[in-house]
Amino acid sequence: MAVIEFARDVLKFKDANTTEADPETKYPVIHTMESQLQNIKDKKYGGTIRLGAYPTKIKKGSVLNKIYGKESVLDERHRHRYEFNNKS
């Protein structure tokens, strides 16, 4: 959402969007990962999504620090079929 907002407000691409929400967007700043195109075409959704985790350091005084009540590192998991479009 931050990439879409940046494209719309800073770059003035008023029609920027993700192809997930608008497959016909003029500026597809977020689009389907190449490896996921066939899965979507074939409507194979179960068990085909990309999974991962990213280590997130909780800094003192941050919102996460207030929520978790401690400084540490946690793994933020993600599941997705979409990524930043380097071509748009």
Protein backbone atom coordinates (compact mmCIF):
# COMPACT_ATOMS: atom_id res chain seq x y z
CA MET A 1 0.00 0.00 0.00
CA ALA A 2 2.91 2.34 0.69
CA VAL A 3 4.29 1.78 -2.82
CA ILE A 4 0.89 2.54 -4.34
CA GLU A 5 0.53 5.67 -2.22
CA PHE A 6 4.03 6.84 -3.18
CA ALA A 7 3.35 6.25 -6.88
CA ARG A 8 0.06 8.15 -6.70
CA ASP A 9 1.12 11.10 -4.56
CA VAL A 10 4.83 11.59 -5.25
CA LEU A 11 5.17 10.29 -8.80
CA LYS A 12 1.70 11.59 -9.77
CA PHE A 13 0.66 8.22 -11.25
CA LYS A 14 -2.95 8.80 -10.23
CA ASP A 15 -4.07 5.38 -11.53
CA ALA A 16 -1.28 3.38 -9.82
CA ASN A 17 -2.52 0.23 -8.16
CA THR A 18 -1.91 -3.45 -7.55
CA THR A 19 -3.07 -5.88 -10.21
CA GLU A 20 -4.74 -7.82 -7.39
CA ALA A 21 -7.26 -4.98 -6.95
CA ASP A 22 -7.25 -3.65 -10.52
CA PRO A 23 -5.93 -6.03 -13.19
CA GLU A 24 -6.27 -3.27 -15.82
CA THR A 25 -4.47 -0.51 -13.90
CA LYS A 26 -2.43 1.86 -16.05
CA TYR A 27 0.45 1.75 -13.54
CA PRO A 28 0.77 -1.76 -12.02
CA VAL A 29 3.34 -0.91 -9.35
CA ILE A 30 2.53 -4.16 -7.52
CA HIS A 31 1.88 -7.16 -9.73
CA THR A 32 1.61 -10.94 -9.69
CA MET A 33 4.88 -12.76 -9.23
CA GLU A 34 5.93 -14.49 -12.45
CA SER A 35 6.00 -17.85 -10.66
CA GLN A 36 2.36 -17.39 -9.58
CA LEU A 37 0.75 -16.46 -12.92
CA GLN A 38 -0.08 -20.04 -13.93
CA ASN A 39 -1.46 -20.86 -10.47
CA ILE A 40 -3.86 -17.93 -10.70
CA LYS A 41 -4.84 -18.78 -14.27
CA ASP A 42 -5.54 -22.38 -13.22
CA LYS A 43 -7.29 -21.19 -10.00
CA LYS A 44 -4.85 -23.24 -7.91
CA TYR A 45 -4.93 -21.27 -4.70
CA GLY A 46 -4.46 -23.89 -1.98
CA GLY A 47 -0.87 -24.69 -1.11
CA THR A 48 0.66 -22.59 -3.90
CA ILE A 49 1.19 -19.27 -2.16
CA ARG A 50 4.72 -18.07 -1.41
CA LEU A 51 5.59 -18.37 2.28
CA GLY A 52 8.38 -16.79 4.22
CA ALA A 53 9.52 -14.93 7.28
CA TYR A 54 11.54 -11.80 7.89
CA PRO A 55 13.45 -11.07 11.11
CA THR A 56 12.15 -7.88 12.70
CA LYS A 57 14.14 -6.16 15.44
CA ILE A 58 11.96 -4.47 18.05
CA LYS A 59 13.55 -1.17 19.05
CA LYS A 60 13.09 0.53 22.39
CA GLY A 61 10.35 3.17 22.27
CA SER A 62 8.79 1.80 19.06
CA VAL A 63 5.13 0.90 18.65
CA LEU A 64 6.08 -2.79 18.60
CA ASN A 65 8.05 -2.31 21.82
CA LYS A 66 4.92 -0.88 23.44
CA ILE A 67 2.79 -3.75 22.14
CA TYR A 68 5.17 -6.60 23.03
CA GLY A 69 6.62 -4.91 26.11
CA LYS A 70 10.21 -5.90 25.29
CA GLU A 71 13.10 -5.45 22.92
CA SER A 72 13.87 -8.54 20.86
CA VAL A 73 13.83 -10.02 17.39
CA LEU A 74 10.78 -11.77 16.04
CA ASP A 75 9.95 -13.38 12.73
CA GLU A 76 7.19 -11.62 10.83
CA ARG A 77 5.66 -14.21 8.53
CA HIS A 78 4.30 -13.38 5.11
CA ARG A 79 2.24 -15.11 2.45
CA HIS A 80 1.79 -13.60 -0.95
CA ARG A 81 1.53 -13.88 -4.72
CA TYR A 82 2.38 -10.26 -5.49
CA GLU A 83 5.58 -8.22 -5.55
CA PHE A 84 7.03 -4.84 -6.50
CA ASN A 85 6.94 -4.34 -10.27
CA ASN A 86 10.43 -3.27 -11.35
CA LYS A 87 9.21 -2.47 -14.87
CA SER A 88 6.56 0.15 -14.09
